[in-house]
Amino acid sequence: MPLPDRAAAQELLEEHVKDEYQRYHARMVATAMEGYARHYGEDPKLWFLTGYLHDLDFEKHPEEHPGVSLQWFREWGYPEDFIHAVEAHAYGYNAFKTLPQTRLAAALLACDEISGIFFAYQKVNPIPYHEMKVKSIKNRLKEKAFAAKIDRSTIYLGCEHLGVSIEEHIENLVRFFEGLE
């Protein structure tokens, strides 16, 4: 089965993910990934869906994540780039040690956890994402107590593999998140 369209992907997400925050997180990461696809001249559908479905098994199988969804994606015949990106986004989590080997995988690693920083920042500073300042987000990244469960090391690792500085990455996301509510 080729990659689903957005409507079918939404049905998959709704079937497997009941938590509203996790659904919103999927939307945030998908939006960031689609922005990077356009930025790099890559396939927006592939990049959006990679971001949208990357945590499909997290809610029901957190101890195995993303192992269960990787099995599903292989069974469904999803592209190897998609599968690799989902596996690599879990670097250091549940004993996954796959480093990103593609731009798609690096972008997912860079975008996943930082989306949580943006979300948490908006909760304490209720302004639209596109009005956020790079310096403010960067300062929050440095504060270990702020959104303490977010693994900052994977954000920096993703940026390194993507070839962007953390400042460039935040600036890109501020722009990509314009219109995201």
N, C-alpha and C. Protein backbone atom coordinates (compact mmCIF):
# COMPACT_ATOMS: atom_id res chain seq x y z
N MET A 1 0.84 -1.18 0.00
CA MET A 1 0.00 0.00 0.00
C MET A 1 0.88 1.24 0.00
N PRO A 2 0.66 2.15 -0.93
CA PRO A 2 1.44 3.39 -0.91
C PRO A 2 1.03 4.24 0.30
N LEU A 3 1.75 5.33 0.48
CA LEU A 3 1.40 6.23 1.58
C LEU A 3 -0.06 6.67 1.45
N PRO A 4 -0.75 6.80 2.58
CA PRO A 4 -2.15 7.24 2.53
C PRO A 4 -2.23 8.72 2.18
N ASP A 5 -3.41 9.14 1.75
CA ASP A 5 -3.62 10.58 1.59
C ASP A 5 -3.87 11.16 2.98
N ARG A 6 -4.05 12.45 3.07
CA ARG A 6 -4.19 13.09 4.39
C ARG A 6 -5.44 12.62 5.13
N ALA A 7 -6.52 12.41 4.40
CA ALA A 7 -7.75 11.96 5.05
C ALA A 7 -7.57 10.57 5.66
N ALA A 8 -6.95 9.66 4.92
CA ALA A 8 -6.70 8.31 5.43
C ALA A 8 -5.69 8.35 6.58
N ALA A 9 -4.70 9.21 6.50
CA ALA A 9 -3.73 9.36 7.59
C ALA A 9 -4.42 9.88 8.85
N GLN A 10 -5.35 10.80 8.68
CA GLN A 10 -6.09 11.30 9.83
C GLN A 10 -6.92 10.18 10.47
N GLU A 11 -7.52 9.34 9.64
CA GLU A 11 -8.28 8.20 10.18
C GLU A 11 -7.36 7.26 10.96
N LEU A 12 -6.17 7.01 10.43
CA LEU A 12 -5.20 6.18 11.14
C LEU A 12 -4.83 6.79 12.48
N LEU A 13 -4.56 8.09 12.45
CA LEU A 13 -4.19 8.78 13.69
C LEU A 13 -5.33 8.71 14.70
N GLU A 14 -6.55 8.96 14.26
CA GLU A 14 -7.70 8.92 15.16
C GLU A 14 -7.95 7.53 15.71
N GLU A 15 -7.64 6.50 14.92
CA GLU A 15 -7.81 5.12 15.37
C GLU A 15 -6.80 4.76 16.46
N HIS A 16 -5.56 5.21 16.31
CA HIS A 16 -4.48 4.80 17.20
C HIS A 16 -4.12 5.81 18.29
N VAL A 17 -4.50 7.06 18.11
CA VAL A 17 -4.11 8.12 19.05
C VAL A 17 -5.37 8.82 19.55
N LYS A 18 -5.67 8.65 20.82
CA LYS A 18 -6.88 9.25 21.41
C LYS A 18 -6.58 10.55 22.15
N ASP A 19 -5.35 10.69 22.63
CA ASP A 19 -4.96 11.86 23.41
C ASP A 19 -4.89 13.10 22.52
N GLU A 20 -5.61 14.15 22.91
CA GLU A 20 -5.66 15.37 22.10
C GLU A 20 -4.30 16.04 21.95
N TYR A 21 -3.50 16.04 23.02
CA TYR A 21 -2.16 16.64 22.88
C TYR A 21 -1.34 15.87 21.86
N GLN A 22 -1.37 14.55 21.90
CA GLN A 22 -0.58 13.75 20.96
C GLN A 22 -1.03 13.98 19.52
N ARG A 23 -2.33 14.17 19.33
CA ARG A 23 -2.84 14.49 17.98
C ARG A 23 -2.33 15.86 17.53
N TYR A 24 -2.33 16.82 18.46
CA TYR A 24 -1.84 18.15 18.14
C TYR A 24 -0.33 18.10 17.85
N HIS A 25 0.38 17.31 18.65
CA HIS A 25 1.82 17.14 18.44
C HIS A 25 2.07 16.60 17.03
N ALA A 26 1.27 15.63 16.61
CA ALA A 26 1.42 15.07 15.26
C ALA A 26 1.24 16.17 14.22
N ARG A 27 0.24 17.03 14.43
CA ARG A 27 0.01 18.13 13.50
C ARG A 27 1.17 19.12 13.48
N MET A 28 1.70 19.42 14.66
CA MET A 28 2.84 20.34 14.73
C MET A 28 4.04 19.79 13.97
N VAL A 29 4.38 18.54 14.26
CA VAL A 29 5.55 17.95 13.62
C VAL A 29 5.33 17.84 12.12
N ALA A 30 4.13 17.46 11.71
CA ALA A 30 3.82 17.37 10.28
C ALA A 30 3.96 18.72 9.60
N THR A 31 3.49 19.76 10.26
CA THR A 31 3.59 21.12 9.72
C THR A 31 5.06 21.52 9.56
N ALA A 32 5.86 21.23 10.58
CA ALA A 32 7.29 21.54 10.52
C ALA A 32 7.96 20.76 9.39
N MET A 33 7.62 19.49 9.27
CA MET A 33 8.23 18.65 8.25
C MET A 33 7.84 19.11 6.84
N GLU A 34 6.58 19.46 6.66
CA GLU A 34 6.14 19.96 5.36
C GLU A 34 6.86 21.26 5.02
N GLY A 35 7.07 22.10 6.03
CA GLY A 35 7.82 23.34 5.81
C GLY A 35 9.24 23.05 5.35
N TYR A 36 9.89 22.08 6.01
CA TYR A 36 11.25 21.72 5.58
C TYR A 36 11.25 21.09 4.19
N ALA A 37 10.24 20.29 3.87
CA ALA A 37 10.18 19.71 2.52
C ALA A 37 10.16 20.81 1.47
N ARG A 38 9.34 21.82 1.68
CA ARG A 38 9.26 22.94 0.73
C ARG A 38 10.58 23.72 0.71
N HIS A 39 11.16 23.90 1.89
CA HIS A 39 12.43 24.61 2.02
C HIS A 39 13.54 23.94 1.21
N TYR A 40 13.57 22.61 1.24
CA TYR A 40 14.62 21.85 0.56
C TYR A 40 14.21 21.32 -0.82
N GLY A 41 12.99 21.62 -1.25
CA GLY A 41 12.54 21.13 -2.55
C GLY A 41 12.28 19.63 -2.56
N GLU A 42 11.84 19.10 -1.43
CA GLU A 42 11.55 17.67 -1.29
C GLU A 42 10.05 17.43 -1.44
N ASP A 43 9.64 16.18 -1.29
CA ASP A 43 8.24 15.76 -1.45
C ASP A 43 7.41 16.15 -0.22
N PRO A 44 6.55 17.17 -0.31
CA PRO A 44 5.78 17.62 0.85
C PRO A 44 4.87 16.53 1.43
N LYS A 45 4.30 15.70 0.57
CA LYS A 45 3.41 14.64 1.08
C LYS A 45 4.18 13.66 1.95
N LEU A 46 5.31 13.16 1.46
CA LEU A 46 6.13 12.22 2.23
C LEU A 46 6.56 12.83 3.55
N TRP A 47 7.03 14.05 3.51
CA TRP A 47 7.55 14.69 4.71
C TRP A 47 6.42 14.98 5.70
N PHE A 48 5.28 15.47 5.21
CA PHE A 48 4.14 15.74 6.09
C PHE A 48 3.69 14.44 6.77
N LEU A 49 3.50 13.39 5.99
CA LEU A 49 3.00 12.13 6.56
C LEU A 49 4.00 11.49 7.51
N THR A 50 5.28 11.65 7.24
CA THR A 50 6.29 11.14 8.17
C THR A 50 6.14 11.82 9.52
N GLY A 51 5.98 13.14 9.50
CA GLY A 51 5.76 13.86 10.75
C GLY A 51 4.44 13.53 11.40
N TYR A 52 3.42 13.36 10.61
CA TYR A 52 2.07 13.13 11.12
C TYR A 52 1.92 11.76 11.78
N LEU A 53 2.58 10.76 11.23
CA LEU A 53 2.38 9.39 11.72
C LEU A 53 3.56 8.85 12.55
N HIS A 54 4.55 9.68 12.83
CA HIS A 54 5.77 9.19 13.48
C HIS A 54 5.56 8.59 14.86
N ASP A 55 4.53 8.99 15.56
CA ASP A 55 4.25 8.48 16.92
C ASP A 55 2.99 7.63 16.96
N LEU A 56 2.65 6.98 15.87
CA LEU A 56 1.37 6.28 15.76
C LEU A 56 1.18 5.24 16.86
N ASP A 57 2.23 4.59 17.31
CA ASP A 57 2.10 3.55 18.33
C ASP A 57 2.42 4.03 19.75
N PHE A 58 2.81 5.28 19.90
CA PHE A 58 3.32 5.77 21.19
C PHE A 58 2.31 5.63 22.33
N GLU A 59 1.07 5.97 22.08
CA GLU A 59 0.07 5.97 23.15
C GLU A 59 -0.23 4.55 23.65
N LYS A 60 -0.36 3.61 22.74
CA LYS A 60 -0.73 2.24 23.11
C LYS A 60 0.48 1.36 23.44
N HIS A 61 1.65 1.71 22.93
CA HIS A 61 2.85 0.87 23.10
C HIS A 61 4.07 1.71 23.47
N PRO A 62 4.02 2.50 24.54
CA PRO A 62 5.15 3.39 24.83
C PRO A 62 6.47 2.67 25.11
N GLU A 63 6.41 1.47 25.68
CA GLU A 63 7.65 0.75 25.99
C GLU A 63 8.30 0.16 24.75
N GLU A 64 7.55 0.04 23.67
CA GLU A 64 8.08 -0.54 22.44
C GLU A 64 8.25 0.50 21.33
N HIS A 65 7.75 1.69 21.56
CA HIS A 65 7.75 2.76 20.56
C HIS A 65 9.14 3.00 20.01
N PRO A 66 9.32 3.12 18.70
CA PRO A 66 8.35 3.03 17.63
C PRO A 66 8.28 1.65 16.98
N GLY A 67 8.74 0.63 17.70
CA GLY A 67 8.84 -0.71 17.12
C GLY A 67 7.56 -1.25 16.53
N VAL A 68 6.44 -1.04 17.22
CA VAL A 68 5.17 -1.56 16.72
C VAL A 68 4.77 -0.86 15.42
N SER A 69 4.88 0.46 15.41
CA SER A 69 4.50 1.18 14.19
C SER A 69 5.46 0.87 13.04
N LEU A 70 6.72 0.62 13.34
CA LEU A 70 7.66 0.24 12.28
C LEU A 70 7.21 -1.06 11.61
N GLN A 71 6.71 -2.00 12.41
CA GLN A 71 6.17 -3.25 11.85
C GLN A 71 4.97 -2.95 10.95
N TRP A 72 4.08 -2.11 11.44
CA TRP A 72 2.90 -1.75 10.64
C TRP A 72 3.32 -1.12 9.32
N PHE A 73 4.23 -0.15 9.40
CA PHE A 73 4.65 0.58 8.20
C PHE A 73 5.27 -0.37 7.17
N ARG A 74 6.05 -1.34 7.65
CA ARG A 74 6.63 -2.33 6.73
C ARG A 74 5.53 -3.19 6.11
N GLU A 75 4.60 -3.65 6.94
CA GLU A 75 3.48 -4.46 6.44
C GLU A 75 2.65 -3.69 5.43
N TRP A 76 2.48 -2.40 5.65
CA TRP A 76 1.67 -1.57 4.76
C TRP A 76 2.43 -1.14 3.51
N GLY A 77 3.70 -1.47 3.44
CA GLY A 77 4.49 -1.14 2.26
C GLY A 77 4.90 0.32 2.15
N TYR A 78 5.04 1.00 3.28
CA TYR A 78 5.47 2.39 3.24
C TYR A 78 6.91 2.48 2.76
N PRO A 79 7.31 3.62 2.20
CA PRO A 79 8.67 3.76 1.67
C PRO A 79 9.75 3.61 2.76
N GLU A 80 10.88 3.10 2.34
CA GLU A 80 11.99 2.88 3.28
C GLU A 80 12.46 4.20 3.90
N ASP A 81 12.44 5.30 3.15
CA ASP A 81 12.84 6.60 3.72
C ASP A 81 11.94 6.97 4.90
N PHE A 82 10.65 6.74 4.75
CA PHE A 82 9.68 7.00 5.80
C PHE A 82 10.01 6.14 7.03
N ILE A 83 10.19 4.84 6.80
CA ILE A 83 10.47 3.89 7.89
C ILE A 83 11.76 4.26 8.60
N HIS A 84 12.80 4.55 7.84
CA HIS A 84 14.08 4.93 8.44
C HIS A 84 13.93 6.19 9.31
N ALA A 85 13.20 7.17 8.81
CA ALA A 85 13.02 8.41 9.57
C ALA A 85 12.31 8.15 10.89
N VAL A 86 11.28 7.33 10.87
CA VAL A 86 10.54 7.03 12.10
C VAL A 86 11.45 6.28 13.08
N GLU A 87 12.24 5.35 12.56
CA GLU A 87 13.17 4.63 13.45
C GLU A 87 14.22 5.57 14.02
N ALA A 88 14.80 6.41 13.19
CA ALA A 88 15.87 7.30 13.63
C ALA A 88 15.37 8.38 14.59
N HIS A 89 14.08 8.74 14.51
CA HIS A 89 13.58 9.78 15.42
C HIS A 89 13.58 9.29 16.86
N ALA A 90 13.68 7.97 17.04
CA ALA A 90 13.68 7.39 18.39
C ALA A 90 15.10 7.15 18.91
N TYR A 91 16.09 7.77 18.28
CA TYR A 91 17.47 7.57 18.69
C TYR A 91 17.61 7.77 20.21
N GLY A 92 18.14 6.76 20.87
CA GLY A 92 18.35 6.84 22.32
C GLY A 92 17.13 6.51 23.15
N TYR A 93 16.01 6.21 22.52
CA TYR A 93 14.75 5.93 23.22
C TYR A 93 14.44 4.44 23.05
N ASN A 94 14.12 3.77 24.12
CA ASN A 94 13.81 2.33 24.06
C ASN A 94 14.90 1.54 23.32
N ALA A 95 16.13 1.90 23.55
CA ALA A 95 17.31 1.20 23.01
C ALA A 95 17.46 1.33 21.49
N PHE A 96 16.78 2.27 20.86
CA PHE A 96 16.96 2.49 19.43
C PHE A 96 18.25 3.29 19.23
N LYS A 97 19.09 2.83 18.33
CA LYS A 97 20.40 3.45 18.10
C LYS A 97 20.64 3.83 16.64
N THR A 98 19.56 3.93 15.86
CA THR A 98 19.70 4.28 14.45
C THR A 98 19.87 5.79 14.31
N LEU A 99 20.99 6.20 13.76
CA LEU A 99 21.23 7.62 13.49
C LEU A 99 20.58 7.98 12.15
N PRO A 100 20.17 9.24 12.00
CA PRO A 100 19.56 9.64 10.73
C PRO A 100 20.57 9.59 9.59
N GLN A 101 20.17 8.92 8.50
CA GLN A 101 21.03 8.80 7.32
C GLN A 101 20.50 9.60 6.14
N THR A 102 19.34 10.22 6.32
CA THR A 102 18.75 11.01 5.24
C THR A 102 18.33 12.37 5.79
N ARG A 103 18.11 13.29 4.90
CA ARG A 103 17.63 14.62 5.30
C ARG A 103 16.26 14.50 5.97
N LEU A 104 15.41 13.62 5.46
CA LEU A 104 14.08 13.39 6.03
C LEU A 104 14.20 12.94 7.49
N ALA A 105 15.06 11.98 7.75
CA ALA A 105 15.25 11.47 9.11
C ALA A 105 15.83 12.54 10.03
N ALA A 106 16.79 13.29 9.53
CA ALA A 106 17.40 14.36 10.34
C ALA A 106 16.36 15.42 10.69
N ALA A 107 15.53 15.77 9.73
CA ALA A 107 14.50 16.78 9.99
C ALA A 107 13.51 16.28 11.04
N LEU A 108 13.10 15.03 10.95
CA LEU A 108 12.16 14.51 11.94
C LEU A 108 12.78 14.52 13.33
N LEU A 109 14.02 14.11 13.43
CA LEU A 109 14.71 14.13 14.73
C LEU A 109 14.80 15.56 15.27
N ALA A 110 15.10 16.51 14.39
CA ALA A 110 15.23 17.90 14.81
C ALA A 110 13.88 18.52 15.18
N CYS A 111 12.81 18.10 14.53
CA CYS A 111 11.50 18.74 14.71
C CYS A 111 10.65 18.13 15.82
N ASP A 112 10.85 16.88 16.12
CA ASP A 112 9.97 16.17 17.04
C ASP A 112 9.94 16.81 18.43
N GLU A 113 11.03 16.76 19.13
CA GLU A 113 11.05 17.23 20.52
C GLU A 113 10.90 18.75 20.63
N ILE A 114 11.45 19.49 19.69
CA ILE A 114 11.37 20.95 19.78
C ILE A 114 9.93 21.44 19.63
N SER A 115 9.09 20.65 18.97
CA SER A 115 7.68 21.03 18.89
C SER A 115 7.07 21.12 20.28
N GLY A 116 7.50 20.24 21.17
CA GLY A 116 7.04 20.30 22.56
C GLY A 116 7.50 21.55 23.28
N ILE A 117 8.70 22.02 22.95
CA ILE A 117 9.19 23.27 23.53
C ILE A 117 8.31 24.43 23.07
N PHE A 118 8.01 24.49 21.78
CA PHE A 118 7.13 25.54 21.25
C PHE A 118 5.76 25.49 21.92
N PHE A 119 5.21 24.29 22.06
CA PHE A 119 3.89 24.13 22.67
C PHE A 119 3.91 24.62 24.12
N ALA A 120 4.91 24.18 24.88
CA ALA A 120 5.02 24.58 26.28
C ALA A 120 5.24 26.09 26.41
N TYR A 121 6.05 26.65 25.52
CA TYR A 121 6.29 28.09 25.54
C TYR A 121 4.99 28.85 25.31
N GLN A 122 4.18 28.37 24.38
CA GLN A 122 2.92 29.04 24.09
C GLN A 122 1.96 28.95 25.29
N LYS A 123 2.06 27.89 26.06
CA LYS A 123 1.19 27.75 27.24
C LYS A 123 1.51 28.81 28.29
N VAL A 124 2.78 29.15 28.44
CA VAL A 124 3.15 30.17 29.43
C VAL A 124 3.20 31.58 28.84
N ASN A 125 3.29 31.67 27.52
CA ASN A 125 3.30 32.96 26.80
C ASN A 125 2.32 32.84 25.65
N PRO A 126 1.05 33.07 25.90
CA PRO A 126 0.03 32.81 24.87
C PRO A 126 0.06 33.79 23.69
N ILE A 127 1.05 33.57 22.83
CA ILE A 127 1.17 34.35 21.61
C ILE A 127 1.21 33.36 20.44
N PRO A 128 0.86 33.80 19.25
CA PRO A 128 0.95 32.90 18.09
C PRO A 128 2.40 32.46 17.87
N TYR A 129 2.56 31.26 17.36
CA TYR A 129 3.91 30.74 17.11
C TYR A 129 4.74 31.66 16.24
N HIS A 130 4.13 32.25 15.22
CA HIS A 130 4.91 33.07 14.30
C HIS A 130 5.37 34.39 14.93
N GLU A 131 4.89 34.71 16.13
CA GLU A 131 5.36 35.91 16.83
C GLU A 131 6.43 35.59 17.87
N MET A 132 6.77 34.32 18.02
CA MET A 132 7.79 33.92 18.99
C MET A 132 9.16 34.37 18.50
N LYS A 133 10.02 34.66 19.45
CA LYS A 133 11.38 35.12 19.14
C LYS A 133 12.36 33.96 19.28
N VAL A 134 13.29 33.90 18.35
CA VAL A 134 14.30 32.85 18.36
C VAL A 134 15.02 32.81 19.71
N LYS A 135 15.42 33.98 20.19
CA LYS A 135 16.17 34.05 21.45
C LYS A 135 15.35 33.49 22.61
N SER A 136 14.05 33.74 22.63
CA SER A 136 13.20 33.25 23.72
C SER A 136 13.11 31.73 23.71
N ILE A 137 12.92 31.15 22.53
CA ILE A 137 12.84 29.69 22.44
C ILE A 137 14.20 29.07 22.78
N LYS A 138 15.26 29.68 22.29
CA LYS A 138 16.61 29.16 22.58
C LYS A 138 16.89 29.21 24.09
N ASN A 139 16.47 30.29 24.74
CA ASN A 139 16.66 30.38 26.20
C ASN A 139 15.89 29.28 26.92
N ARG A 140 14.69 28.99 26.46
CA ARG A 140 13.89 27.92 27.08
C ARG A 140 14.53 26.55 26.86
N LEU A 141 15.16 26.38 25.72
CA LEU A 141 15.88 25.12 25.48
C LEU A 141 16.99 24.92 26.51
N LYS A 142 17.63 26.01 26.90
CA LYS A 142 18.72 25.93 27.86
C LYS A 142 18.24 25.67 29.29
N GLU A 143 16.98 26.01 29.57
CA GLU A 143 16.42 25.81 30.91
C GLU A 143 15.97 24.36 31.08
N LYS A 144 16.75 23.58 31.80
CA LYS A 144 16.43 22.16 31.94
C LYS A 144 15.11 21.92 32.67
N ALA A 145 14.71 22.83 33.51
CA ALA A 145 13.46 22.67 34.25
C ALA A 145 12.23 22.98 33.39
N PHE A 146 12.42 23.71 32.31
CA PHE A 146 11.30 24.05 31.42
C PHE A 146 11.04 22.86 30.50
N ALA A 147 9.80 22.36 30.53
CA ALA A 147 9.44 21.18 29.73
C ALA A 147 10.52 20.11 29.92
N ALA A 148 10.72 19.75 31.18
CA ALA A 148 11.86 18.93 31.59
C ALA A 148 11.93 17.56 30.92
N LYS A 149 10.82 17.02 30.48
CA LYS A 149 10.83 15.69 29.88
C LYS A 149 11.30 15.69 28.43
N ILE A 150 11.47 16.86 27.86
CA ILE A 150 11.89 16.95 26.46
C ILE A 150 13.40 16.74 26.35
N ASP A 151 13.77 15.82 25.48
CA ASP A 151 15.17 15.47 25.27
C ASP A 151 15.82 16.46 24.31
N ARG A 152 16.52 17.40 24.87
CA ARG A 152 17.17 18.42 24.06
C ARG A 152 18.29 17.86 23.19
N SER A 153 18.96 16.81 23.67
CA SER A 153 20.09 16.27 22.90
C SER A 153 19.67 15.79 21.52
N THR A 154 18.45 15.25 21.39
CA THR A 154 18.01 14.79 20.08
C THR A 154 17.71 15.96 19.15
N ILE A 155 17.27 17.07 19.71
CA ILE A 155 17.04 18.27 18.89
C ILE A 155 18.36 18.71 18.27
N TYR A 156 19.40 18.82 19.11
CA TYR A 156 20.71 19.26 18.62
C TYR A 156 21.31 18.24 17.65
N LEU A 157 21.12 16.95 17.93
CA LEU A 157 21.61 15.91 17.03
C LEU A 157 20.92 16.00 15.67
N GLY A 158 19.62 16.22 15.69
CA GLY A 158 18.88 16.38 14.44
C GLY A 158 19.35 17.59 13.66
N CYS A 159 19.57 18.70 14.36
CA CYS A 159 20.08 19.91 13.69
C CYS A 159 21.45 19.66 13.07
N GLU A 160 22.31 18.97 13.81
CA GLU A 160 23.64 18.66 13.30
C GLU A 160 23.55 17.85 12.01
N HIS A 161 22.72 16.83 12.01
CA HIS A 161 22.59 15.98 10.82
C HIS A 161 21.86 16.70 9.68
N LEU A 162 21.01 17.66 10.03
CA LEU A 162 20.31 18.44 9.02
C LEU A 162 21.19 19.54 8.45
N GLY A 163 22.22 19.90 9.20
CA GLY A 163 23.14 20.94 8.72
C GLY A 163 22.65 22.35 8.98
N VAL A 164 21.87 22.53 10.06
CA VAL A 164 21.40 23.86 10.44
C VAL A 164 21.78 24.13 11.90
N SER A 165 21.99 25.38 12.19
CA SER A 165 22.23 25.77 13.58
C SER A 165 20.90 25.74 14.32
N ILE A 166 20.96 25.72 15.63
CA ILE A 166 19.72 25.75 16.41
C ILE A 166 18.96 27.04 16.15
N GLU A 167 19.68 28.14 15.96
CA GLU A 167 19.03 29.41 15.67
C GLU A 167 18.28 29.37 14.34
N GLU A 168 18.93 28.82 13.32
CA GLU A 168 18.28 28.68 12.01
C GLU A 168 17.05 27.77 12.11
N HIS A 169 17.20 26.70 12.86
CA HIS A 169 16.10 25.74 13.02
C HIS A 169 14.89 26.41 13.68
N ILE A 170 15.13 27.12 14.76
CA ILE A 170 14.03 27.81 15.45
C ILE A 170 13.41 28.85 14.53
N GLU A 171 14.24 29.60 13.84
CA GLU A 171 13.74 30.61 12.90
C GLU A 171 12.86 29.97 11.82
N ASN A 172 13.31 28.85 11.30
CA ASN A 172 12.51 28.13 10.30
C ASN A 172 11.17 27.70 10.88
N LEU A 173 11.19 27.14 12.08
CA LEU A 173 9.95 26.65 12.68
C LEU A 173 8.98 27.79 12.99
N VAL A 174 9.49 28.90 13.45
CA VAL A 174 8.63 30.06 13.68
C VAL A 174 7.89 30.40 12.38
N ARG A 175 8.60 30.37 11.29
CA ARG A 175 8.01 30.66 9.97
C ARG A 175 7.05 29.53 9.54
N PHE A 176 7.47 28.28 9.70
CA PHE A 176 6.63 27.15 9.28
C PHE A 176 5.35 27.06 10.07
N PHE A 177 5.39 27.47 11.34
CA PHE A 177 4.22 27.35 12.21
C PHE A 177 3.21 28.49 12.03
N GLU A 178 3.51 29.44 11.14
CA GLU A 178 2.55 30.52 10.91
C GLU A 178 1.22 29.91 10.46
N GLY A 179 0.17 30.31 11.12
CA GLY A 179 -1.16 29.79 10.81
C GLY A 179 -1.54 28.56 11.62
N LEU A 180 -0.59 27.95 12.30
CA LEU A 180 -0.89 26.80 13.14
C LEU A 180 -1.53 27.30 14.44
N GLU A 181 -2.66 26.75 14.76
CA GLU A 181 -3.36 27.18 15.98
C GLU A 181 -3.29 26.10 17.03
